[in-house]
Amino acid sequence: MAIPISTPEFDPALIARYDVAGPRYTSYPTAPQFKADFDETVLRGVIRASNEEPIPRPLSVYVHVPFCMSPCFYCGCNRVITRDVTQADRYLERLYREIELIAPLFDRDRPVRQLHFGGGTPNFLDVAHMSELLESLARHFSFSQESDREYGIEIDPRFADAAYIRSMGKLGFNRISVGIQDFDPLVQRAVNRIQSFEQTREVLEAARESSFSSASVDLIYGLPFQSVDGFSRTLDQIVELNPDRVAVYGYAHLPEMFKAQRQINTADMPDPATRLALFGRALEHLSAAGYVYIGMDHFAKTTDELVLAQRAGTLQRNFQGYSTHGDCDIVGLGVSAIGRIGDSYTQNSRDLIGYYGALDAGRLPLMRGMQLDEDDVIRRELINELMCHGVLEKKAFGTRHRLLFDEYFARERERLQPLIADGLVQETDREIRVTSRGRLLLRIIAMCFDAYLDEAAQAPRFSRVI
């Protein structure tokens, strides 16, 4: 059954009042709640139980490649800056050990329906290393042969040419994600990422000429020296590149957490009003070009699988963002990688010393994790429904979880009242529905149902909601 999705309404004054820090909800509970007492013994038990389910879930494998040739000052990802390409050999040696340790824990009849290489810079690995890695994964896991499988890779166009992209297509990748951020030369110099339109176009055109069925690009607003006029020119160039999906992220300035961000002069950053105007221009420009706002900074063409899944009510959200394969268990491989098996989350060691040390000792490099309790599972589904579809049918939800919705969420419904008064949400006896005014503030709405947020309120962990 198709679900009607309202067109978002951009109200700068309203958004400014709600522009606080908050989780992005690629998971619930969020990563700060993961605990060190979730160890390898617990993980093995969780995987064993997932194999024994009546219909075991397919797998999604995430591979983290942490290395980057140069630092982008805005970056908050886990990465290692180096031009020493021999680091790839040392890293892959351990990555192969991790694959050999964890893959046999999963039954071989569970196909890998989704594969994603992220970073860092995955194309730090040359074609030979990438081929070797894909061969190892294919030996130890059961790669899906279905036409709907999604095998994606993130690419930095500064360090990849058309020949490299064609090689990735031959290895089986069919989706590509390209970081851009902004084409304005002044902005690029300020964030130490000089990337030409021509470099970017070469990569995307090579992907289209190969076997890639989808291409997405990333932009960031809120960077030093950005202006509405300059960002408009970048958006014109994005429309010319014609990607299938566009992500427009708000820059999260957390220099106390990310050392590279200390290179950014806060005086050069746009003021709050300009920052809002930058996103407003992106929303206006991309909508006029035929892109649909999915939610949480993501846009896609009307024929894209994400749009179709949202309209059909099957869209889900995980650590890679919005997904049509949210039913998969996620196996996280590599330093800092996060996994999701059933009702649990895991994260590997966040530095190479810990990651290498665990594997050299014959152990999985698990650093922390979390086993969800019943309340966590209930709230995870609720937040997913709001973030993906903007509507929650209270009676059906209560029946699934054997609860009386209005009673169970009495405190949360009180938290919603100011949002209802501002027209972000509508609540009836039958449903909770996000309005067109609320679609740009999904994180604020989800935060009303987050049982952990009070204890994390003072921690500078989260980005601004816009």
Protein backbone atom coordinates (compact mmCIF):
# COMPACT_ATOMS: atom_id res chain seq x y z
CA MET A 1 0.00 0.00 0.00
CA ALA A 2 1.45 3.35 -1.03
CA ILE A 3 2.08 5.88 1.74
CA PRO A 4 1.57 9.56 0.86
CA ILE A 5 4.66 11.63 1.71
CA SER A 6 4.22 15.36 2.18
CA THR A 7 6.50 17.85 0.45
CA PRO A 8 8.71 19.50 3.11
CA GLU A 9 7.97 23.11 4.02
CA PHE A 10 11.01 25.31 4.57
CA ASP A 11 10.34 27.82 7.35
CA PRO A 12 13.66 29.39 8.44
CA ALA A 13 12.27 31.00 11.59
CA LEU A 14 10.68 27.76 12.75
CA ILE A 15 13.76 25.67 11.98
CA ALA A 16 16.04 28.15 13.75
CA ARG A 17 14.07 27.67 16.97
CA TYR A 18 14.59 23.93 16.85
CA ASP A 19 18.16 23.87 15.55
CA VAL A 20 19.82 22.06 18.44
CA ALA A 21 22.26 19.13 18.56
CA GLY A 22 20.81 15.66 18.25
CA PRO A 23 21.41 12.09 17.00
CA ARG A 24 21.09 11.16 13.34
CA TYR A 25 19.41 7.87 14.28
CA THR A 26 21.26 5.60 11.91
CA SER A 27 20.80 3.30 14.88
CA TYR A 28 18.71 3.25 18.02
CA PRO A 29 20.07 3.18 20.63
CA THR A 30 22.85 5.35 19.26
CA ALA A 31 26.56 4.43 19.41
CA PRO A 32 27.33 6.36 22.64
CA GLN A 33 25.20 3.75 24.46
CA PHE A 34 27.36 0.81 23.37
CA LYS A 35 29.21 -0.90 26.27
CA ALA A 36 32.58 -2.63 26.62
CA ASP A 37 31.04 -5.67 28.39
CA PHE A 38 29.59 -6.85 25.07
CA ASP A 39 32.43 -9.27 24.27
CA GLU A 40 33.27 -11.94 21.71
CA THR A 41 31.45 -14.66 23.64
CA VAL A 42 28.25 -12.62 23.55
CA LEU A 43 28.72 -11.88 19.84
CA ARG A 44 29.18 -15.56 18.99
CA GLY A 45 25.95 -16.36 20.83
CA VAL A 46 24.08 -13.61 18.99
CA ILE A 47 25.28 -14.85 15.59
CA ARG A 48 24.40 -18.45 16.49
CA ALA A 49 20.88 -17.40 17.47
CA SER A 50 20.51 -15.44 14.19
CA ASN A 51 21.42 -18.59 12.23
CA GLU A 52 18.74 -20.56 14.08
CA GLU A 53 15.86 -18.23 13.30
CA PRO A 54 13.06 -19.81 11.19
CA ILE A 55 14.03 -17.58 8.25
CA PRO A 56 17.61 -16.32 8.78
CA ARG A 57 18.18 -12.80 7.52
CA PRO A 58 20.45 -12.14 4.53
CA LEU A 59 23.70 -10.29 5.17
CA SER A 60 25.00 -6.80 4.50
CA VAL A 61 28.79 -6.55 4.73
CA TYR A 62 30.43 -3.21 5.48
CA VAL A 63 34.20 -2.88 4.92
CA HIS A 64 36.01 0.13 6.38
CA VAL A 65 39.17 1.32 4.62
CA PRO A 66 40.58 4.02 6.92
CA PHE A 67 43.40 5.52 4.86
CA CYS A 68 43.36 8.94 3.19
CA MET A 69 46.13 10.61 1.20
CA SER A 70 45.40 14.04 2.70
CA PRO A 71 43.17 15.41 5.47
CA CYS A 72 39.88 17.13 4.70
CA PHE A 73 39.55 19.56 7.59
CA TYR A 74 35.77 19.11 7.98
CA CYS A 75 35.98 15.32 8.30
CA GLY A 76 34.67 13.51 11.36
CA CYS A 77 35.19 10.00 9.99
CA ASN A 78 37.62 7.46 11.38
CA ARG A 79 40.64 7.77 9.09
CA VAL A 80 44.43 7.55 8.99
CA ILE A 81 46.31 10.15 6.94
CA THR A 82 49.21 8.62 5.00
CA ARG A 83 50.80 8.49 1.58
CA ASP A 84 52.57 5.25 2.46
CA VAL A 85 50.72 2.79 0.23
CA THR A 86 52.44 -0.16 1.96
CA GLN A 87 50.06 0.49 4.85
CA ALA A 88 47.46 -1.26 2.70
CA ASP A 89 49.38 -4.54 2.90
CA ARG A 90 49.61 -4.43 6.70
CA TYR A 91 45.93 -3.54 7.00
CA LEU A 92 44.69 -6.19 4.59
CA GLU A 93 46.73 -8.87 6.34
CA ARG A 94 44.66 -8.22 9.49
CA LEU A 95 41.42 -7.70 7.60
CA TYR A 96 41.80 -11.16 6.06
CA ARG A 97 42.27 -12.59 9.55
CA GLU A 98 39.08 -10.91 10.69
CA ILE A 99 37.19 -12.31 7.71
CA GLU A 100 38.55 -15.80 8.43
CA LEU A 101 37.46 -15.53 12.07
CA ILE A 102 33.96 -14.14 11.66
CA ALA A 103 32.67 -15.49 8.33
CA PRO A 104 32.46 -19.16 9.48
CA LEU A 105 30.14 -18.09 12.30
CA PHE A 106 27.41 -17.35 9.73
CA ASP A 107 25.64 -20.17 7.90
CA ARG A 108 26.63 -20.27 4.23
CA ASP A 109 23.00 -20.21 3.08
CA ARG A 110 22.76 -16.56 4.14
CA PRO A 111 23.50 -14.51 1.00
CA VAL A 112 25.39 -11.20 1.06
CA ARG A 113 22.74 -9.03 -0.53
CA GLN A 114 24.47 -5.75 0.23
CA LEU A 115 28.18 -4.87 0.27
CA HIS A 116 29.54 -1.42 1.01
CA PHE A 117 33.11 -0.09 1.11
CA GLY A 118 33.48 3.10 3.13
CA GLY A 119 36.25 5.12 4.68
CA GLY A 120 38.53 6.85 4.82
CA THR A 121 39.13 6.44 1.12
CA PRO A 122 38.35 2.96 -0.25
CA ASN A 123 40.19 3.78 -3.49
CA PHE A 124 43.38 4.06 -1.42
CA LEU A 125 43.46 0.35 -2.35
CA ASP A 126 44.69 -0.13 -5.91
CA VAL A 127 42.99 -2.51 -8.33
CA ALA A 128 45.19 -5.48 -7.38
CA HIS A 129 44.52 -5.07 -3.66
CA MET A 130 40.82 -4.52 -4.23
CA SER A 131 40.60 -7.62 -6.41
CA GLU A 132 42.36 -9.69 -3.78
CA LEU A 133 40.01 -8.39 -1.06
CA LEU A 134 36.89 -9.14 -3.10
CA GLU A 135 38.16 -12.65 -3.77
CA SER A 136 38.68 -13.22 -0.04
CA LEU A 137 35.18 -11.99 0.78
CA ALA A 138 33.65 -14.17 -1.95
CA ARG A 139 35.48 -17.25 -0.63
CA HIS A 140 34.27 -16.81 2.92
CA PHE A 141 30.77 -15.42 2.40
CA SER A 142 28.04 -16.38 -0.05
CA PHE A 143 27.71 -13.46 -2.45
CA SER A 144 24.17 -13.03 -3.75
CA GLN A 145 23.70 -13.60 -7.46
CA GLU A 146 20.34 -11.82 -7.55
CA SER A 147 19.90 -8.77 -9.76
CA ASP A 148 18.77 -6.61 -6.84
CA ARG A 149 22.00 -6.93 -4.86
CA GLU A 150 23.68 -3.64 -3.93
CA TYR A 151 27.49 -3.59 -3.99
CA GLY A 152 28.63 -0.04 -3.40
CA ILE A 153 31.88 1.84 -2.99
CA GLU A 154 32.76 5.39 -1.88
CA ILE A 155 35.20 7.14 -4.21
CA ASP A 156 37.42 10.20 -3.82
CA PRO A 157 37.73 11.50 -7.42
CA ARG A 158 41.07 13.15 -6.64
CA PHE A 159 42.67 9.71 -6.47
CA ALA A 160 40.70 7.70 -9.05
CA ASP A 161 40.44 7.85 -12.83
CA ALA A 162 38.09 6.29 -15.37
CA ALA A 163 40.21 3.15 -15.69
CA TYR A 164 39.99 2.53 -11.94
CA ILE A 165 36.21 2.94 -11.97
CA ARG A 166 35.85 0.53 -14.89
CA SER A 167 37.91 -2.00 -12.95
CA MET A 168 35.61 -1.64 -9.94
CA GLY A 169 32.66 -2.38 -12.20
CA LYS A 170 34.35 -5.55 -13.44
CA LEU A 171 34.88 -6.63 -9.82
CA GLY A 172 31.14 -6.48 -9.21
CA PHE A 173 30.45 -3.06 -7.75
CA ASN A 174 27.22 -1.58 -9.10
CA ARG A 175 26.77 1.54 -6.95
CA ILE A 176 29.10 4.46 -6.46
CA SER A 177 29.12 7.32 -3.97
CA VAL A 178 31.28 10.36 -4.68
CA GLY A 179 32.25 13.02 -2.18
CA ILE A 180 32.10 16.60 -3.50
CA GLN A 181 31.08 18.91 -0.61
CA ASP A 182 31.39 22.14 -2.67
CA PHE A 183 32.94 23.13 -6.00
CA ASP A 184 33.67 26.70 -4.87
CA PRO A 185 37.51 27.10 -4.99
CA LEU A 186 37.53 29.38 -1.94
CA VAL A 187 35.64 26.83 0.14
CA GLN A 188 37.80 23.98 -1.14
CA ARG A 189 41.00 25.76 -0.10
CA ALA A 190 39.57 26.45 3.36
CA VAL A 191 38.79 22.76 3.97
CA ASN A 192 41.89 21.40 2.19
CA ARG A 193 40.01 19.52 -0.51
CA ILE A 194 40.83 20.77 -3.99
CA GLN A 195 38.64 18.79 -6.37
CA SER A 196 37.69 19.90 -9.85
CA PHE A 197 34.38 19.48 -11.62
CA GLU A 198 36.24 17.66 -14.42
CA GLN A 199 37.72 15.06 -12.05
CA THR A 200 34.30 14.40 -10.60
CA ARG A 201 32.61 14.16 -13.99
CA GLU A 202 35.22 11.68 -15.24
CA VAL A 203 34.48 9.32 -12.36
CA LEU A 204 30.70 9.54 -12.69
CA GLU A 205 30.74 9.13 -16.47
CA ALA A 206 33.02 6.10 -16.19
CA ALA A 207 30.59 4.57 -13.70
CA ARG A 208 27.68 5.06 -16.10
CA GLU A 209 29.66 3.51 -18.94
CA SER A 210 30.46 0.49 -16.76
CA SER A 211 28.05 -1.71 -14.84
CA PHE A 212 27.08 0.81 -12.17
CA SER A 213 23.33 1.16 -11.87
CA SER A 214 23.31 4.05 -9.40
CA ALA A 215 25.48 7.04 -8.56
CA SER A 216 25.18 9.35 -5.57
CA VAL A 217 27.07 12.47 -4.52
CA ASP A 218 27.61 14.18 -1.17
CA LEU A 219 27.48 17.90 -0.44
CA ILE A 220 28.07 19.74 2.84
CA TYR A 221 26.61 23.09 3.89
CA GLY A 222 27.95 25.22 6.73
CA LEU A 223 31.59 25.15 5.57
CA PRO A 224 33.94 28.17 5.71
CA PHE A 225 33.30 30.90 3.13
CA GLN A 226 30.14 29.31 1.77
CA SER A 227 27.57 31.73 0.40
CA VAL A 228 24.13 31.20 -1.08
CA ASP A 229 25.30 32.38 -4.50
CA GLY A 230 28.39 30.18 -4.45
CA PHE A 231 26.42 27.14 -3.28
CA SER A 232 23.88 27.79 -6.01
CA ARG A 233 26.63 27.49 -8.60
CA THR A 234 27.68 24.17 -7.07
CA LEU A 235 24.06 22.99 -7.22
CA ASP A 236 23.90 23.95 -10.90
CA GLN A 237 26.93 21.73 -11.48
CA ILE A 238 25.37 18.88 -9.50
CA VAL A 239 22.27 19.00 -11.68
CA GLU A 240 24.54 18.90 -14.73
CA LEU A 241 26.28 15.80 -13.35
CA ASN A 242 22.82 14.21 -12.99
CA PRO A 243 23.43 11.75 -10.12
CA ASP A 244 20.64 9.42 -9.00
CA ARG A 245 20.91 10.53 -5.37
CA VAL A 246 22.22 13.62 -3.60
CA ALA A 247 23.03 13.86 0.10
CA VAL A 248 23.23 17.38 1.54
CA TYR A 249 24.74 17.18 5.02
CA GLY A 250 25.04 19.93 7.59
CA TYR A 251 28.63 20.40 8.73
CA ALA A 252 29.10 19.30 12.34
CA HIS A 253 31.83 21.45 13.90
CA LEU A 254 33.16 19.41 16.84
CA PRO A 255 36.86 20.35 17.08
CA GLU A 256 37.11 18.91 20.59
CA MET A 257 36.39 15.49 19.07
CA PHE A 258 37.99 15.79 15.62
CA LYS A 259 41.49 17.24 15.56
CA ALA A 260 41.50 18.18 11.87
CA GLN A 261 38.56 20.53 12.44
CA ARG A 262 40.81 22.75 14.55
CA GLN A 263 42.27 23.94 11.25
CA ILE A 264 38.95 25.63 10.48
CA ASN A 265 38.57 29.22 11.63
CA THR A 266 35.11 29.57 13.13
CA ALA A 267 35.06 33.22 12.05
CA ASP A 268 35.04 32.03 8.42
CA MET A 269 31.97 29.84 8.88
CA PRO A 270 28.54 31.08 7.76
CA ASP A 271 26.31 32.50 10.46
CA PRO A 272 23.20 30.51 11.49
CA ALA A 273 20.90 32.40 9.11
CA THR A 274 23.19 31.82 6.13
CA ARG A 275 23.63 28.17 7.08
CA LEU A 276 19.85 27.72 7.01
CA ALA A 277 19.63 29.60 3.72
CA LEU A 278 22.21 27.24 2.19
CA PHE A 279 20.04 24.22 2.94
CA GLY A 280 16.94 26.09 1.81
CA ARG A 281 18.58 26.79 -1.53
CA ALA A 282 19.56 23.12 -1.89
CA LEU A 283 15.98 22.03 -1.15
CA GLU A 284 14.58 24.52 -3.67
CA HIS A 285 17.18 23.83 -6.37
CA LEU A 286 17.10 20.03 -6.20
CA SER A 287 13.30 19.88 -5.98
CA ALA A 288 13.05 22.04 -9.10
CA ALA A 289 15.44 19.65 -10.86
CA GLY A 290 13.12 16.69 -10.16
CA TYR A 291 14.66 15.24 -6.99
CA VAL A 292 12.43 14.02 -4.16
CA TYR A 293 13.32 14.80 -0.54
CA ILE A 294 13.51 11.42 1.19
CA GLY A 295 14.31 12.85 4.60
CA MET A 296 17.41 13.47 6.73
CA ASP A 297 19.29 15.42 4.05
CA HIS A 298 18.74 12.84 1.29
CA PHE A 299 17.32 13.47 -2.17
CA ALA A 300 16.69 11.02 -5.00
CA LYS A 301 15.17 10.92 -8.46
CA THR A 302 11.52 9.94 -8.67
CA THR A 303 12.41 6.56 -10.19
CA ASP A 304 15.06 5.72 -7.58
CA GLU A 305 14.57 2.64 -5.40
CA LEU A 306 14.59 4.76 -2.23
CA VAL A 307 11.66 6.85 -3.45
CA LEU A 308 9.73 3.76 -4.54
CA ALA A 309 10.43 2.03 -1.22
CA GLN A 310 9.29 5.06 0.75
CA ARG A 311 6.05 5.25 -1.21
CA ALA A 312 5.50 1.50 -0.73
CA GLY A 313 6.18 1.71 3.01
CA THR A 314 9.25 -0.55 2.92
CA LEU A 315 12.05 2.01 3.34
CA GLN A 316 14.37 1.43 6.31
CA ARG A 317 17.36 3.12 7.90
CA ASN A 318 20.71 1.74 9.04
CA PHE A 319 24.34 2.80 9.48
CA GLN A 320 24.67 3.52 5.76
CA GLY A 321 21.61 5.80 5.89
CA TYR A 322 18.34 5.08 4.09
CA SER A 323 18.19 1.59 2.60
CA THR A 324 15.98 -0.82 0.71
CA HIS A 325 17.81 -3.71 2.41
CA GLY A 326 17.13 -2.85 6.02
CA ASP A 327 16.15 -6.46 6.71
CA CYS A 328 19.78 -7.60 6.49
CA ASP A 329 22.07 -8.38 9.40
CA ILE A 330 25.11 -6.11 9.06
CA VAL A 331 28.64 -7.53 9.40
CA GLY A 332 31.12 -4.71 10.07
CA LEU A 333 34.69 -5.42 8.99
CA GLY A 334 37.76 -3.27 9.56
CA VAL A 335 38.85 -0.72 12.13
CA SER A 336 35.93 1.10 13.84
CA ALA A 337 33.31 -0.77 11.74
CA ILE A 338 29.85 -1.12 13.27
CA GLY A 339 27.65 -4.19 12.81
CA ARG A 340 24.05 -5.07 13.62
CA ILE A 341 23.10 -8.69 14.21
CA GLY A 342 19.46 -9.20 15.15
CA ASP A 343 18.75 -7.06 18.19
CA SER A 344 22.37 -6.21 18.93
CA TYR A 345 25.06 -3.78 17.79
CA THR A 346 28.84 -4.20 17.74
CA GLN A 347 31.79 -1.93 17.03
CA ASN A 348 35.40 -2.83 16.28
CA SER A 349 38.40 -1.14 17.86
CA ARG A 350 38.61 2.48 16.70
CA ASP A 351 42.39 2.63 16.26
CA LEU A 352 44.85 0.49 14.30
CA ILE A 353 46.86 -0.48 17.39
CA GLY A 354 43.85 -2.06 19.06
CA TYR A 355 42.55 -3.54 15.83
CA TYR A 356 45.89 -5.12 14.89
CA GLY A 357 46.59 -6.27 18.47
CA ALA A 358 43.34 -8.20 18.81
CA LEU A 359 43.73 -9.99 15.48
CA ASP A 360 47.41 -10.76 16.10
CA ALA A 361 46.27 -12.45 19.31
CA GLY A 362 43.68 -14.51 17.41
CA ARG A 363 40.69 -12.55 18.70
CA LEU A 364 37.96 -10.63 16.94
CA PRO A 365 38.70 -6.88 17.23
CA LEU A 366 35.45 -6.18 19.08
CA MET A 367 35.63 -3.06 21.26
CA ARG A 368 32.05 -2.59 22.44
CA GLY A 369 28.46 -3.39 21.66
CA MET A 370 24.94 -3.58 22.95
CA GLN A 371 22.19 -6.15 23.35
CA LEU A 372 18.85 -4.41 22.94
CA ASP A 373 16.13 -5.01 25.51
CA GLU A 374 12.42 -5.09 24.68
CA ASP A 375 11.98 -1.35 25.14
CA ASP A 376 14.94 -0.63 22.84
CA VAL A 377 13.42 -2.80 20.11
CA ILE A 378 10.05 -1.06 20.44
CA ARG A 379 11.55 2.42 20.25
CA ARG A 380 13.87 1.45 17.38
CA GLU A 381 10.89 0.44 15.24
CA LEU A 382 8.95 3.56 16.19
CA ILE A 383 11.81 5.91 15.33
CA ASN A 384 12.43 4.06 12.07
CA GLU A 385 8.78 4.49 11.09
CA LEU A 386 8.87 8.22 11.75
CA MET A 387 12.24 8.77 10.06
CA CYS A 388 11.36 6.75 6.95
CA HIS A 389 7.62 7.21 6.47
CA GLY A 390 6.48 10.07 8.69
CA VAL A 391 3.44 8.25 10.00
CA LEU A 392 2.78 5.74 12.78
CA GLU A 393 -0.50 3.86 13.18
CA LYS A 394 -0.83 3.55 16.94
CA LYS A 395 -3.22 0.59 17.17
CA ALA A 396 -1.29 -1.57 14.70
CA PHE A 397 2.00 -0.68 16.40
CA GLY A 398 0.55 -1.51 19.82
CA THR A 399 -0.78 -4.84 18.57
CA ARG A 400 2.63 -5.84 17.18
CA HIS A 401 4.31 -5.11 20.49
CA ARG A 402 1.46 -6.08 22.87
CA LEU A 403 1.07 -2.64 24.43
CA LEU A 404 -1.41 0.20 24.74
CA PHE A 405 0.31 2.93 22.77
CA ASP A 406 -1.11 5.99 24.52
CA GLU A 407 -0.30 4.56 27.96
CA TYR A 408 3.15 3.19 27.13
CA PHE A 409 4.26 6.47 25.53
CA ALA A 410 2.37 8.86 27.82
CA ARG A 411 5.53 10.80 28.76
CA GLU A 412 6.70 10.94 25.14
CA ARG A 413 3.33 12.21 23.96
CA GLU A 414 3.68 15.05 26.45
CA ARG A 415 7.04 15.89 24.90
CA LEU A 416 5.33 16.07 21.52
CA GLN A 417 2.86 18.75 22.61
CA PRO A 418 5.05 21.80 21.78
CA LEU A 419 5.82 20.23 18.38
CA ILE A 420 2.10 19.67 17.80
CA ALA A 421 1.42 23.28 18.75
CA ASP A 422 4.01 24.41 16.19
CA GLY A 423 2.45 22.25 13.49
CA LEU A 424 5.33 19.77 13.15
CA VAL A 425 3.25 16.76 14.13
CA GLN A 426 -0.41 15.79 14.20
CA GLU A 427 -1.73 13.26 16.69
CA THR A 428 -5.14 11.62 16.66
CA ASP A 429 -6.54 8.55 18.42
CA ARG A 430 -5.47 6.62 15.33
CA GLU A 431 -2.01 7.90 14.36
CA ILE A 432 0.96 10.18 14.74
CA ARG A 433 1.80 11.96 11.49
CA VAL A 434 4.69 14.23 10.56
CA THR A 435 3.45 17.31 8.69
CA SER A 436 5.10 19.13 5.83
CA ARG A 437 6.43 21.62 8.43
CA GLY A 438 7.96 18.79 10.41
CA ARG A 439 9.67 16.84 7.65
CA LEU A 440 12.86 18.90 7.93
CA LEU A 441 12.89 18.34 11.71
CA LEU A 442 12.57 14.56 11.86
CA ARG A 443 15.42 14.31 14.32
CA ILE A 444 13.63 16.63 16.76
CA ILE A 445 10.50 14.47 16.55
CA ALA A 446 12.45 11.23 17.01
CA MET A 447 14.25 12.70 20.01
CA CYS A 448 10.93 12.83 21.87
CA PHE A 449 10.95 9.00 21.93
CA ASP A 450 14.64 8.53 22.82
CA ALA A 451 14.90 7.00 26.30
CA TYR A 452 18.63 7.72 26.56
CA LEU A 453 18.75 11.34 25.51
CA ASP A 454 18.50 12.93 28.95
CA GLU A 455 21.71 11.26 30.18
CA ALA A 456 23.55 12.30 26.99
CA ALA A 457 22.18 15.84 26.87
CA GLN A 458 25.34 17.50 28.08
CA ALA A 459 27.75 15.51 25.90
CA PRO A 460 29.00 17.31 22.74
CA ARG A 461 28.50 14.19 20.61
CA PHE A 462 25.87 15.15 18.11
CA SER A 463 25.59 17.41 15.09
CA ARG A 464 23.02 20.18 14.67
CA VAL A 465 19.69 18.93 13.41
CA ILE A 466 19.92 21.36 10.45
